[in-house]
N, C-alpha and C. Protein backbone atom coordinates (compact mmCIF):
# COMPACT_ATOMS: atom_id res chain seq x y z
N UNK A 1 91.95 99.80 70.21
CA UNK A 1 91.78 101.13 70.81
C UNK A 1 90.56 101.15 71.74
N UNK A 2 89.42 100.53 71.29
CA UNK A 2 88.23 100.50 72.10
C UNK A 2 88.48 99.76 73.41
N UNK A 3 89.29 98.70 73.31
CA UNK A 3 89.59 97.91 74.49
C UNK A 3 90.35 98.73 75.52
N UNK A 4 91.28 99.55 75.03
CA UNK A 4 92.08 100.39 75.93
C UNK A 4 91.20 101.38 76.67
N UNK A 5 90.31 102.03 75.93
CA UNK A 5 89.46 103.02 76.56
C UNK A 5 88.41 102.38 77.46
N UNK A 6 87.94 101.18 77.13
CA UNK A 6 87.01 100.48 77.99
C UNK A 6 87.67 100.13 79.31
N UNK A 7 88.92 99.67 79.22
CA UNK A 7 89.66 99.33 80.43
C UNK A 7 89.88 100.57 81.28
N UNK A 8 90.23 101.68 80.62
CA UNK A 8 90.46 102.92 81.35
C UNK A 8 89.19 103.38 82.06
N UNK A 9 88.05 103.21 81.42
CA UNK A 9 86.77 103.59 82.02
C UNK A 9 86.53 102.80 83.29
N UNK A 10 86.81 101.49 83.24
CA UNK A 10 86.63 100.65 84.41
C UNK A 10 87.57 101.07 85.53
N UNK A 11 88.80 101.43 85.17
CA UNK A 11 89.76 101.87 86.17
C UNK A 11 89.29 103.14 86.85
N UNK A 12 88.81 104.08 86.06
CA UNK A 12 88.35 105.36 86.60
C UNK A 12 87.18 105.16 87.55
N UNK A 13 86.27 104.25 87.21
CA UNK A 13 85.12 103.99 88.06
C UNK A 13 85.56 103.42 89.40
N UNK A 14 86.60 102.57 89.36
CA UNK A 14 87.04 101.89 90.56
C UNK A 14 87.91 102.76 91.46
N UNK A 15 88.44 103.84 90.92
CA UNK A 15 89.37 104.67 91.68
C UNK A 15 88.64 105.61 92.64
N UNK A 16 89.37 106.12 93.67
CA UNK A 16 88.79 107.10 94.58
C UNK A 16 88.48 108.40 93.85
N UNK A 17 87.76 109.32 94.51
CA UNK A 17 87.45 110.60 93.87
C UNK A 17 88.72 111.31 93.41
N UNK A 18 88.58 112.16 92.40
CA UNK A 18 89.72 112.86 91.81
C UNK A 18 90.50 113.64 92.85
N UNK A 19 89.83 114.25 93.81
CA UNK A 19 90.52 115.04 94.82
C UNK A 19 91.51 114.20 95.61
N UNK A 20 91.20 112.92 95.79
CA UNK A 20 92.09 112.02 96.51
C UNK A 20 93.30 111.66 95.67
N UNK A 21 93.12 111.58 94.35
CA UNK A 21 94.18 111.15 93.46
C UNK A 21 95.19 112.23 93.15
N UNK A 22 94.83 113.47 93.35
CA UNK A 22 95.71 114.57 92.97
C UNK A 22 97.00 114.54 93.78
N UNK A 23 98.09 114.94 93.10
CA UNK A 23 99.41 114.92 93.74
C UNK A 23 99.54 116.05 94.74
N UNK A 24 100.36 115.82 95.77
CA UNK A 24 100.72 116.86 96.70
C UNK A 24 99.52 117.56 97.32
N UNK A 25 99.58 118.90 97.34
CA UNK A 25 98.53 119.68 97.97
C UNK A 25 97.47 120.12 96.98
N UNK A 26 97.53 119.59 95.76
CA UNK A 26 96.56 119.98 94.75
C UNK A 26 95.16 119.57 95.15
N UNK A 27 94.18 120.32 94.76
CA UNK A 27 92.78 120.01 95.03
C UNK A 27 91.99 120.08 93.73
N UNK A 28 90.88 119.36 93.68
CA UNK A 28 90.02 119.43 92.51
C UNK A 28 89.37 120.82 92.48
N UNK A 29 89.65 121.57 91.45
CA UNK A 29 89.13 122.93 91.34
C UNK A 29 88.47 123.12 89.99
N UNK A 30 87.79 124.25 89.85
CA UNK A 30 87.07 124.52 88.61
C UNK A 30 88.01 124.65 87.42
N UNK A 31 89.28 125.01 87.68
CA UNK A 31 90.20 125.21 86.57
C UNK A 31 90.95 123.93 86.19
N UNK A 32 90.63 122.81 86.82
CA UNK A 32 91.28 121.55 86.46
C UNK A 32 90.71 121.06 85.14
N UNK A 33 91.56 120.83 84.12
CA UNK A 33 91.06 120.35 82.83
C UNK A 33 90.33 119.02 82.99
N UNK A 34 89.30 118.83 82.21
CA UNK A 34 88.54 117.59 82.30
C UNK A 34 89.41 116.38 82.03
N UNK A 35 90.37 116.52 81.11
CA UNK A 35 91.23 115.39 80.75
C UNK A 35 92.17 114.99 81.88
N UNK A 36 92.36 115.88 82.87
CA UNK A 36 93.29 115.58 83.95
C UNK A 36 92.84 114.38 84.76
N UNK A 37 91.53 114.17 84.86
CA UNK A 37 91.03 113.00 85.60
C UNK A 37 91.49 111.71 84.94
N UNK A 38 91.52 111.69 83.62
CA UNK A 38 92.01 110.51 82.89
C UNK A 38 93.50 110.30 83.18
N UNK A 39 94.28 111.38 83.19
CA UNK A 39 95.71 111.28 83.49
C UNK A 39 95.95 110.70 84.88
N UNK A 40 95.13 111.15 85.84
CA UNK A 40 95.32 110.77 87.22
C UNK A 40 94.97 109.32 87.49
N UNK A 41 94.30 108.67 86.55
CA UNK A 41 94.01 107.25 86.71
C UNK A 41 95.30 106.45 86.85
N UNK A 42 96.38 106.94 86.24
CA UNK A 42 97.70 106.30 86.36
C UNK A 42 98.71 107.16 87.09
N UNK A 43 98.62 108.48 86.90
CA UNK A 43 99.65 109.39 87.43
C UNK A 43 99.30 109.97 88.79
N UNK A 44 98.14 109.61 89.34
CA UNK A 44 97.73 110.15 90.63
C UNK A 44 98.56 109.62 91.79
N UNK A 45 98.49 110.32 92.91
CA UNK A 45 99.29 109.96 94.08
C UNK A 45 98.98 108.56 94.58
N UNK A 46 97.73 108.11 94.43
CA UNK A 46 97.33 106.80 94.93
C UNK A 46 97.51 105.68 93.90
N UNK A 47 97.91 106.04 92.69
CA UNK A 47 97.96 105.03 91.62
C UNK A 47 99.33 104.86 90.99
N UNK A 48 100.25 105.80 91.25
CA UNK A 48 101.55 105.75 90.57
C UNK A 48 102.35 104.49 90.88
N UNK A 49 102.32 104.05 92.13
CA UNK A 49 103.12 102.89 92.51
C UNK A 49 102.69 101.65 91.73
N UNK A 50 101.38 101.48 91.57
CA UNK A 50 100.87 100.30 90.87
C UNK A 50 101.05 100.41 89.36
N UNK A 51 100.89 101.62 88.82
CA UNK A 51 100.95 101.79 87.37
C UNK A 51 102.37 101.99 86.84
N UNK A 52 103.28 102.42 87.72
CA UNK A 52 104.65 102.72 87.28
C UNK A 52 104.75 104.04 86.54
N UNK A 53 103.70 104.87 86.63
CA UNK A 53 103.68 106.15 85.93
C UNK A 53 104.41 107.22 86.75
N UNK A 54 105.02 108.19 86.08
CA UNK A 54 105.74 109.25 86.81
C UNK A 54 104.79 110.28 87.40
N UNK A 55 105.26 110.97 88.42
CA UNK A 55 104.51 112.11 88.95
C UNK A 55 104.60 113.25 87.95
N UNK A 56 103.48 113.91 87.71
CA UNK A 56 103.44 115.03 86.76
C UNK A 56 103.47 116.38 87.46
N UNK A 57 102.96 116.43 88.68
CA UNK A 57 102.89 117.69 89.42
C UNK A 57 104.28 118.29 89.60
N UNK A 58 104.41 119.56 89.27
CA UNK A 58 105.67 120.27 89.47
C UNK A 58 106.67 120.13 88.34
N UNK A 59 106.35 119.32 87.34
CA UNK A 59 107.25 119.18 86.19
C UNK A 59 107.12 120.41 85.29
N UNK A 60 108.14 120.70 84.51
CA UNK A 60 108.11 121.86 83.61
C UNK A 60 106.99 121.71 82.58
N UNK A 61 106.25 122.78 82.37
CA UNK A 61 105.17 122.75 81.39
C UNK A 61 105.70 122.46 79.99
N UNK A 62 106.83 123.08 79.63
CA UNK A 62 107.39 122.88 78.30
C UNK A 62 107.76 121.42 78.07
N UNK A 63 108.29 120.78 79.11
CA UNK A 63 108.68 119.37 78.98
C UNK A 63 107.45 118.48 78.86
N UNK A 64 106.45 118.71 79.69
CA UNK A 64 105.23 117.91 79.62
C UNK A 64 104.57 118.04 78.25
N UNK A 65 104.51 119.27 77.75
CA UNK A 65 103.92 119.50 76.44
C UNK A 65 104.68 118.76 75.35
N UNK A 66 106.01 118.83 75.41
CA UNK A 66 106.82 118.17 74.39
C UNK A 66 106.64 116.65 74.43
N UNK A 67 106.55 116.07 75.62
CA UNK A 67 106.41 114.62 75.71
C UNK A 67 105.07 114.16 75.13
N UNK A 68 104.01 114.89 75.40
CA UNK A 68 102.71 114.54 74.83
C UNK A 68 102.74 114.66 73.31
N UNK A 69 103.42 115.68 72.82
CA UNK A 69 103.56 115.84 71.37
C UNK A 69 104.36 114.68 70.77
N UNK A 70 105.39 114.24 71.49
CA UNK A 70 106.20 113.13 71.00
C UNK A 70 105.43 111.82 71.00
N UNK A 71 104.57 111.64 71.98
CA UNK A 71 103.72 110.45 71.98
C UNK A 71 102.76 110.49 70.78
N UNK A 72 102.32 111.67 70.41
CA UNK A 72 101.42 111.81 69.27
C UNK A 72 102.13 111.58 67.94
N UNK A 73 103.34 112.09 67.80
CA UNK A 73 104.01 112.01 66.49
C UNK A 73 104.91 110.79 66.32
N UNK A 74 104.94 109.92 67.34
CA UNK A 74 105.68 108.68 67.19
C UNK A 74 107.12 108.72 67.65
N UNK A 75 107.58 109.86 68.16
CA UNK A 75 108.94 109.92 68.68
C UNK A 75 109.08 109.14 69.99
N UNK A 76 107.97 108.95 70.67
CA UNK A 76 107.92 108.09 71.86
C UNK A 76 106.74 107.14 71.72
N UNK A 77 106.90 105.94 72.27
CA UNK A 77 105.79 105.00 72.31
C UNK A 77 105.49 104.27 71.04
N UNK A 78 106.38 104.32 70.05
CA UNK A 78 106.13 103.65 68.78
C UNK A 78 106.71 102.24 68.74
N UNK A 79 107.68 101.97 69.61
CA UNK A 79 108.33 100.66 69.61
C UNK A 79 107.45 99.62 70.30
N UNK A 80 107.34 98.45 69.70
CA UNK A 80 106.49 97.39 70.24
C UNK A 80 106.97 96.92 71.61
N UNK A 81 108.24 97.12 71.92
CA UNK A 81 108.79 96.70 73.21
C UNK A 81 108.54 97.72 74.32
N UNK A 82 108.00 98.87 73.95
CA UNK A 82 107.71 99.91 74.93
C UNK A 82 106.21 99.90 75.21
N UNK A 83 105.79 98.97 76.06
CA UNK A 83 104.35 98.77 76.31
C UNK A 83 103.72 100.01 76.94
N UNK A 84 104.34 100.55 77.98
CA UNK A 84 103.79 101.72 78.64
C UNK A 84 103.77 102.92 77.70
N UNK A 85 104.81 103.03 76.87
CA UNK A 85 104.84 104.11 75.89
C UNK A 85 103.72 104.00 74.88
N UNK A 86 103.41 102.79 74.46
CA UNK A 86 102.32 102.58 73.53
C UNK A 86 100.98 102.96 74.15
N UNK A 87 100.82 102.66 75.44
CA UNK A 87 99.59 103.06 76.13
C UNK A 87 99.46 104.58 76.16
N UNK A 88 100.57 105.26 76.43
CA UNK A 88 100.53 106.72 76.43
C UNK A 88 100.27 107.29 75.05
N UNK A 89 100.85 106.67 74.04
CA UNK A 89 100.62 107.12 72.67
C UNK A 89 99.14 107.02 72.31
N UNK A 90 98.50 105.94 72.74
CA UNK A 90 97.07 105.77 72.46
C UNK A 90 96.24 106.83 73.17
N UNK A 91 96.62 107.17 74.41
CA UNK A 91 95.89 108.19 75.15
C UNK A 91 96.12 109.57 74.55
N UNK A 92 97.35 109.86 74.14
CA UNK A 92 97.68 111.19 73.62
C UNK A 92 97.06 111.43 72.24
N UNK A 93 96.76 110.37 71.54
CA UNK A 93 96.26 110.50 70.16
C UNK A 93 94.99 111.33 70.07
N UNK A 94 94.17 111.31 71.12
CA UNK A 94 92.88 112.02 71.07
C UNK A 94 92.97 113.46 71.54
N UNK A 95 94.15 113.90 71.98
CA UNK A 95 94.29 115.25 72.52
C UNK A 95 94.55 116.27 71.41
N UNK A 96 93.90 117.42 71.54
CA UNK A 96 94.18 118.52 70.61
C UNK A 96 95.39 119.29 71.12
N UNK A 97 95.89 120.19 70.29
CA UNK A 97 97.03 121.03 70.69
C UNK A 97 96.67 121.85 71.92
N UNK A 98 95.42 122.35 71.97
CA UNK A 98 94.98 123.13 73.13
C UNK A 98 94.89 122.26 74.38
N UNK A 99 94.41 121.02 74.21
CA UNK A 99 94.34 120.10 75.34
C UNK A 99 95.72 119.88 75.94
N UNK A 100 96.70 119.64 75.08
CA UNK A 100 98.07 119.37 75.52
C UNK A 100 98.64 120.56 76.27
N UNK A 101 98.45 121.75 75.72
CA UNK A 101 98.96 122.95 76.36
C UNK A 101 98.30 123.17 77.72
N UNK A 102 97.01 122.95 77.79
CA UNK A 102 96.26 123.15 79.03
C UNK A 102 96.70 122.16 80.10
N UNK A 103 96.84 120.89 79.73
CA UNK A 103 97.27 119.87 80.69
C UNK A 103 98.68 120.13 81.19
N UNK A 104 99.57 120.51 80.27
CA UNK A 104 100.96 120.78 80.65
C UNK A 104 101.03 121.93 81.66
N UNK A 105 100.29 122.99 81.39
CA UNK A 105 100.31 124.14 82.30
C UNK A 105 99.69 123.78 83.65
N UNK A 106 98.63 123.00 83.60
CA UNK A 106 97.94 122.63 84.84
C UNK A 106 98.84 121.81 85.75
N UNK A 107 99.42 120.74 85.24
CA UNK A 107 100.24 119.89 86.09
C UNK A 107 101.51 120.59 86.54
N UNK A 108 102.06 121.45 85.70
CA UNK A 108 103.25 122.20 86.09
C UNK A 108 102.96 123.14 87.24
N UNK A 109 101.72 123.59 87.36
CA UNK A 109 101.35 124.53 88.41
C UNK A 109 101.07 123.85 89.75
N UNK A 110 100.97 122.52 89.74
CA UNK A 110 100.67 121.79 90.96
C UNK A 110 101.94 121.53 91.77
N UNK A 111 101.78 121.37 93.07
CA UNK A 111 102.92 121.11 93.94
C UNK A 111 103.18 119.61 94.01
N UNK A 112 104.41 119.23 93.74
CA UNK A 112 104.78 117.81 93.78
C UNK A 112 104.83 117.34 95.23
N UNK A 113 104.45 116.08 95.45
CA UNK A 113 104.59 115.52 96.78
C UNK A 113 105.93 114.82 96.89
N UNK A 114 106.53 114.93 98.04
CA UNK A 114 107.86 114.36 98.27
C UNK A 114 107.77 112.85 98.34
N UNK A 115 108.67 112.17 97.66
CA UNK A 115 108.71 110.72 97.74
C UNK A 115 110.17 110.29 97.88
N UNK A 116 110.54 109.94 99.09
CA UNK A 116 111.91 109.58 99.40
C UNK A 116 112.02 108.07 99.58
N UNK A 117 112.96 107.46 98.88
CA UNK A 117 113.19 106.02 98.98
C UNK A 117 114.60 105.79 99.50
N UNK A 118 114.73 105.31 100.74
CA UNK A 118 116.06 105.05 101.31
C UNK A 118 116.83 104.03 100.47
N UNK A 119 118.16 104.14 100.47
CA UNK A 119 118.98 103.21 99.71
C UNK A 119 120.29 102.97 100.45
N UNK A 120 120.98 101.92 100.07
CA UNK A 120 122.27 101.56 100.64
C UNK A 120 123.28 102.69 100.48
N UNK A 121 124.08 102.94 101.51
CA UNK A 121 125.03 104.06 101.50
C UNK A 121 126.03 103.96 100.36
N UNK A 122 126.51 102.76 100.07
CA UNK A 122 127.49 102.59 98.99
C UNK A 122 126.85 102.90 97.64
N UNK A 123 125.61 102.49 97.46
CA UNK A 123 124.90 102.75 96.21
C UNK A 123 124.67 104.25 96.05
N UNK A 124 124.30 104.90 97.14
CA UNK A 124 124.07 106.35 97.10
C UNK A 124 125.35 107.10 96.75
N UNK A 125 126.47 106.66 97.29
CA UNK A 125 127.74 107.33 97.00
C UNK A 125 128.10 107.16 95.52
N UNK A 126 127.88 105.97 94.99
CA UNK A 126 128.13 105.74 93.57
C UNK A 126 127.22 106.61 92.72
N UNK A 127 125.96 106.69 93.10
CA UNK A 127 125.01 107.51 92.36
C UNK A 127 125.34 108.99 92.43
N UNK A 128 125.79 109.43 93.61
CA UNK A 128 126.16 110.85 93.78
C UNK A 128 127.31 111.21 92.84
N UNK A 129 128.31 110.35 92.76
CA UNK A 129 129.46 110.64 91.91
C UNK A 129 129.07 110.68 90.43
N UNK A 130 128.20 109.76 90.03
CA UNK A 130 127.74 109.76 88.63
C UNK A 130 126.90 111.00 88.35
N UNK A 131 126.02 111.35 89.31
CA UNK A 131 125.14 112.50 89.08
C UNK A 131 125.95 113.79 88.97
N UNK A 132 126.85 114.00 89.90
CA UNK A 132 127.66 115.22 89.88
C UNK A 132 128.52 115.29 88.61
N UNK A 133 129.07 114.16 88.21
CA UNK A 133 129.96 114.14 87.06
C UNK A 133 129.27 114.22 85.71
N UNK A 134 128.03 113.72 85.63
CA UNK A 134 127.41 113.62 84.30
C UNK A 134 126.01 114.21 84.18
N UNK A 135 125.27 114.30 85.28
CA UNK A 135 123.85 114.70 85.18
C UNK A 135 123.57 116.13 85.62
N UNK A 136 124.27 116.56 86.67
CA UNK A 136 123.95 117.84 87.29
C UNK A 136 124.11 119.04 86.38
N UNK A 137 125.02 118.98 85.42
CA UNK A 137 125.25 120.13 84.54
C UNK A 137 124.00 120.51 83.76
N UNK A 138 123.18 119.54 83.44
CA UNK A 138 121.94 119.81 82.70
C UNK A 138 120.72 119.80 83.61
N UNK A 139 120.63 118.82 84.50
CA UNK A 139 119.42 118.64 85.30
C UNK A 139 119.43 119.43 86.60
N UNK A 140 120.54 120.11 86.90
CA UNK A 140 120.59 120.95 88.08
C UNK A 140 121.18 120.25 89.29
N UNK A 141 121.75 121.04 90.21
CA UNK A 141 122.42 120.50 91.39
C UNK A 141 121.47 119.71 92.27
N UNK A 142 120.20 120.07 92.28
CA UNK A 142 119.20 119.38 93.09
C UNK A 142 118.16 118.69 92.20
N UNK A 143 118.54 118.38 90.97
CA UNK A 143 117.65 117.70 90.02
C UNK A 143 116.38 118.49 89.77
N UNK A 144 116.52 119.83 89.82
CA UNK A 144 115.37 120.70 89.62
C UNK A 144 115.07 120.96 88.15
N UNK A 145 115.96 120.53 87.26
CA UNK A 145 115.75 120.71 85.83
C UNK A 145 116.23 122.05 85.34
N UNK A 146 116.33 122.16 84.00
CA UNK A 146 116.79 123.41 83.39
C UNK A 146 116.11 123.56 82.03
N UNK A 147 115.18 124.48 81.95
CA UNK A 147 114.41 124.68 80.72
C UNK A 147 115.32 125.07 79.56
N UNK A 148 116.36 125.86 79.83
CA UNK A 148 117.27 126.31 78.77
C UNK A 148 117.98 125.14 78.11
N UNK A 149 118.20 124.06 78.85
CA UNK A 149 118.88 122.89 78.32
C UNK A 149 117.90 121.77 77.93
N UNK A 150 116.61 122.08 77.98
CA UNK A 150 115.57 121.07 77.69
C UNK A 150 115.71 119.86 78.62
N UNK A 151 116.19 120.11 79.83
CA UNK A 151 116.40 119.05 80.81
C UNK A 151 115.28 119.09 81.85
N UNK A 152 114.49 118.03 81.97
CA UNK A 152 113.37 118.04 82.92
C UNK A 152 113.82 117.93 84.36
N UNK A 153 112.96 118.29 85.27
CA UNK A 153 113.20 118.06 86.69
C UNK A 153 113.11 116.56 86.95
N UNK A 154 113.97 116.06 87.80
CA UNK A 154 113.99 114.64 88.15
C UNK A 154 113.61 114.41 89.61
N UNK A 155 113.62 115.47 90.38
CA UNK A 155 113.48 115.35 91.83
C UNK A 155 112.16 114.74 92.27
N UNK A 156 111.09 114.85 91.45
CA UNK A 156 109.80 114.31 91.85
C UNK A 156 109.54 112.91 91.30
N UNK A 157 110.54 112.34 90.63
CA UNK A 157 110.38 111.04 90.01
C UNK A 157 110.90 109.92 90.91
N UNK A 158 110.28 108.76 90.83
CA UNK A 158 110.71 107.62 91.64
C UNK A 158 111.97 107.00 91.06
N UNK A 159 112.72 106.31 91.91
CA UNK A 159 113.94 105.64 91.47
C UNK A 159 113.63 104.60 90.40
N UNK A 160 112.52 103.87 90.56
CA UNK A 160 112.15 102.84 89.58
C UNK A 160 111.88 103.45 88.21
N UNK A 161 111.19 104.60 88.19
CA UNK A 161 110.87 105.23 86.91
C UNK A 161 112.13 105.76 86.24
N UNK A 162 113.02 106.38 87.01
CA UNK A 162 114.27 106.90 86.44
C UNK A 162 115.10 105.76 85.87
N UNK A 163 115.19 104.66 86.61
CA UNK A 163 115.94 103.50 86.12
C UNK A 163 115.38 103.00 84.81
N UNK A 164 114.05 102.89 84.72
CA UNK A 164 113.41 102.40 83.50
C UNK A 164 113.71 103.31 82.32
N UNK A 165 113.66 104.62 82.53
CA UNK A 165 113.93 105.53 81.42
C UNK A 165 115.37 105.44 80.94
N UNK A 166 116.31 105.30 81.86
CA UNK A 166 117.71 105.13 81.46
C UNK A 166 117.88 103.83 80.68
N UNK A 167 117.20 102.78 81.10
CA UNK A 167 117.26 101.50 80.37
C UNK A 167 116.68 101.65 78.97
N UNK A 168 115.60 102.41 78.85
CA UNK A 168 114.97 102.60 77.55
C UNK A 168 115.83 103.46 76.63
N UNK A 169 116.48 104.46 77.18
CA UNK A 169 117.40 105.26 76.37
C UNK A 169 118.54 104.38 75.86
N UNK A 170 119.08 103.55 76.74
CA UNK A 170 120.20 102.70 76.36
C UNK A 170 119.78 101.66 75.32
N UNK A 171 118.56 101.14 75.44
CA UNK A 171 118.08 100.10 74.53
C UNK A 171 117.56 100.65 73.21
N UNK A 172 117.46 101.98 73.10
CA UNK A 172 116.98 102.59 71.86
C UNK A 172 115.48 102.72 71.78
N UNK A 173 114.79 102.54 72.90
CA UNK A 173 113.33 102.72 72.91
C UNK A 173 112.96 104.19 73.03
N UNK A 174 113.90 105.00 73.47
CA UNK A 174 113.74 106.45 73.53
C UNK A 174 115.00 107.08 72.95
N UNK A 175 114.84 108.26 72.37
CA UNK A 175 115.98 109.04 71.93
C UNK A 175 116.64 108.60 70.65
N UNK A 176 115.91 107.88 69.79
CA UNK A 176 116.53 107.46 68.53
C UNK A 176 116.08 108.30 67.34
N UNK A 177 115.05 109.13 67.53
CA UNK A 177 114.57 109.97 66.45
C UNK A 177 115.53 111.14 66.23
N UNK A 178 115.89 111.41 65.01
CA UNK A 178 116.86 112.47 64.71
C UNK A 178 116.37 113.85 65.14
N UNK A 179 115.05 114.02 65.20
CA UNK A 179 114.50 115.33 65.58
C UNK A 179 114.49 115.54 67.09
N UNK A 180 114.76 114.48 67.84
CA UNK A 180 114.73 114.56 69.31
C UNK A 180 116.15 114.73 69.84
N UNK A 181 116.68 115.94 69.75
CA UNK A 181 118.06 116.18 70.15
C UNK A 181 118.31 115.88 71.63
N UNK A 182 117.48 116.37 72.57
CA UNK A 182 117.71 116.03 73.99
C UNK A 182 117.65 114.52 74.23
N UNK A 183 116.72 113.86 73.55
CA UNK A 183 116.60 112.42 73.69
C UNK A 183 117.84 111.69 73.18
N UNK A 184 118.37 112.15 72.07
CA UNK A 184 119.58 111.54 71.50
C UNK A 184 120.78 111.75 72.43
N UNK A 185 120.83 112.91 73.08
CA UNK A 185 121.90 113.17 74.04
C UNK A 185 121.80 112.21 75.22
N UNK A 186 120.56 111.97 75.69
CA UNK A 186 120.36 111.05 76.80
C UNK A 186 120.69 109.62 76.39
N UNK A 187 120.35 109.25 75.17
CA UNK A 187 120.65 107.91 74.69
C UNK A 187 122.16 107.70 74.63
N UNK A 188 122.88 108.72 74.16
CA UNK A 188 124.33 108.63 74.08
C UNK A 188 124.95 108.50 75.47
N UNK A 189 124.46 109.29 76.40
CA UNK A 189 124.95 109.23 77.77
C UNK A 189 124.66 107.87 78.40
N UNK A 190 123.48 107.33 78.17
CA UNK A 190 123.06 106.08 78.81
C UNK A 190 123.85 104.88 78.32
N UNK A 191 124.37 104.95 77.11
CA UNK A 191 125.12 103.82 76.58
C UNK A 191 126.37 103.52 77.41
N UNK A 192 126.86 104.51 78.10
CA UNK A 192 128.07 104.33 78.91
C UNK A 192 127.77 103.89 80.34
N UNK A 193 126.50 103.70 80.67
CA UNK A 193 126.12 103.31 82.01
C UNK A 193 125.85 101.81 82.10
N UNK A 194 126.37 101.19 83.15
CA UNK A 194 126.04 99.80 83.41
C UNK A 194 124.69 99.77 84.13
N UNK A 195 124.12 98.59 84.28
CA UNK A 195 122.86 98.47 85.01
C UNK A 195 123.04 98.97 86.45
N UNK A 196 124.17 98.68 87.05
CA UNK A 196 124.46 99.14 88.41
C UNK A 196 124.54 100.66 88.46
N UNK A 197 125.18 101.26 87.45
CA UNK A 197 125.28 102.72 87.39
C UNK A 197 123.89 103.36 87.34
N UNK A 198 123.04 102.80 86.50
CA UNK A 198 121.68 103.34 86.35
C UNK A 198 120.93 103.31 87.68
N UNK A 199 121.01 102.16 88.34
CA UNK A 199 120.29 102.02 89.60
C UNK A 199 120.88 102.92 90.68
N UNK A 200 122.18 103.15 90.61
CA UNK A 200 122.82 104.03 91.59
C UNK A 200 122.38 105.48 91.41
N UNK A 201 122.40 105.96 90.18
CA UNK A 201 121.96 107.33 89.90
C UNK A 201 120.50 107.51 90.30
N UNK A 202 119.66 106.53 89.92
CA UNK A 202 118.24 106.60 90.25
C UNK A 202 118.01 106.57 91.75
N UNK A 203 118.77 105.74 92.46
CA UNK A 203 118.64 105.63 93.91
C UNK A 203 119.03 106.95 94.57
N UNK A 204 120.08 107.59 94.08
CA UNK A 204 120.55 108.85 94.64
C UNK A 204 119.48 109.94 94.49
N UNK A 205 118.90 110.02 93.31
CA UNK A 205 117.84 111.02 93.09
C UNK A 205 116.61 110.66 93.91
N UNK A 206 116.25 109.37 93.90
CA UNK A 206 115.06 108.93 94.62
C UNK A 206 115.16 109.05 96.12
N UNK A 207 116.39 109.10 96.65
CA UNK A 207 116.59 109.25 98.09
C UNK A 207 116.66 110.70 98.51
N UNK A 208 116.40 111.61 97.57
CA UNK A 208 116.43 113.03 97.90
C UNK A 208 117.79 113.65 97.81
N UNK A 209 118.73 112.96 97.15
CA UNK A 209 120.08 113.45 96.91
C UNK A 209 120.77 113.86 98.21
N UNK A 210 120.92 112.90 99.15
CA UNK A 210 121.53 113.22 100.45
C UNK A 210 123.01 113.57 100.33
């Protein structure tokens, strides 16, 4: 644990000022939680590509809060094969319930920056058909998410991150806890997807759903 936090400290020192790391049009303000700077070491606009971390800005507060709680209680990040999940579990362990609520509300209030990744036309068409047929009913026609269905927004996530999460659901690294109903639904859905299907859906979302 000490090694993880020592490494994180070195990363934070080496990174640009927090205002530079913030997603979209967000600025460092007095109401930014102190813990947000730690989050931005991986989730910031200048660091996401290298860390493989998802964008947090603009995501639903309820979803962000639930994910941090799941990292704390072992529903996520407990499997030895989920290295990034284990890192998040270690970071979430020190957060109080108030910290989690504050961070979730803060990042949800920020404006997401657009990240469009062009993809092959045939792959996009395959992804569009899969999304319309299986994903849109819960995640929305424009991947904006649906709080009533516990479905997060996907529009601000990179194709690589979406692909990884689908792979983890299929492999049982996510969504295997009986108390995680949305996760179990995603795991069930992912089992029917081939690797090509996963990449197609992710490419379609990552390309801005043309």
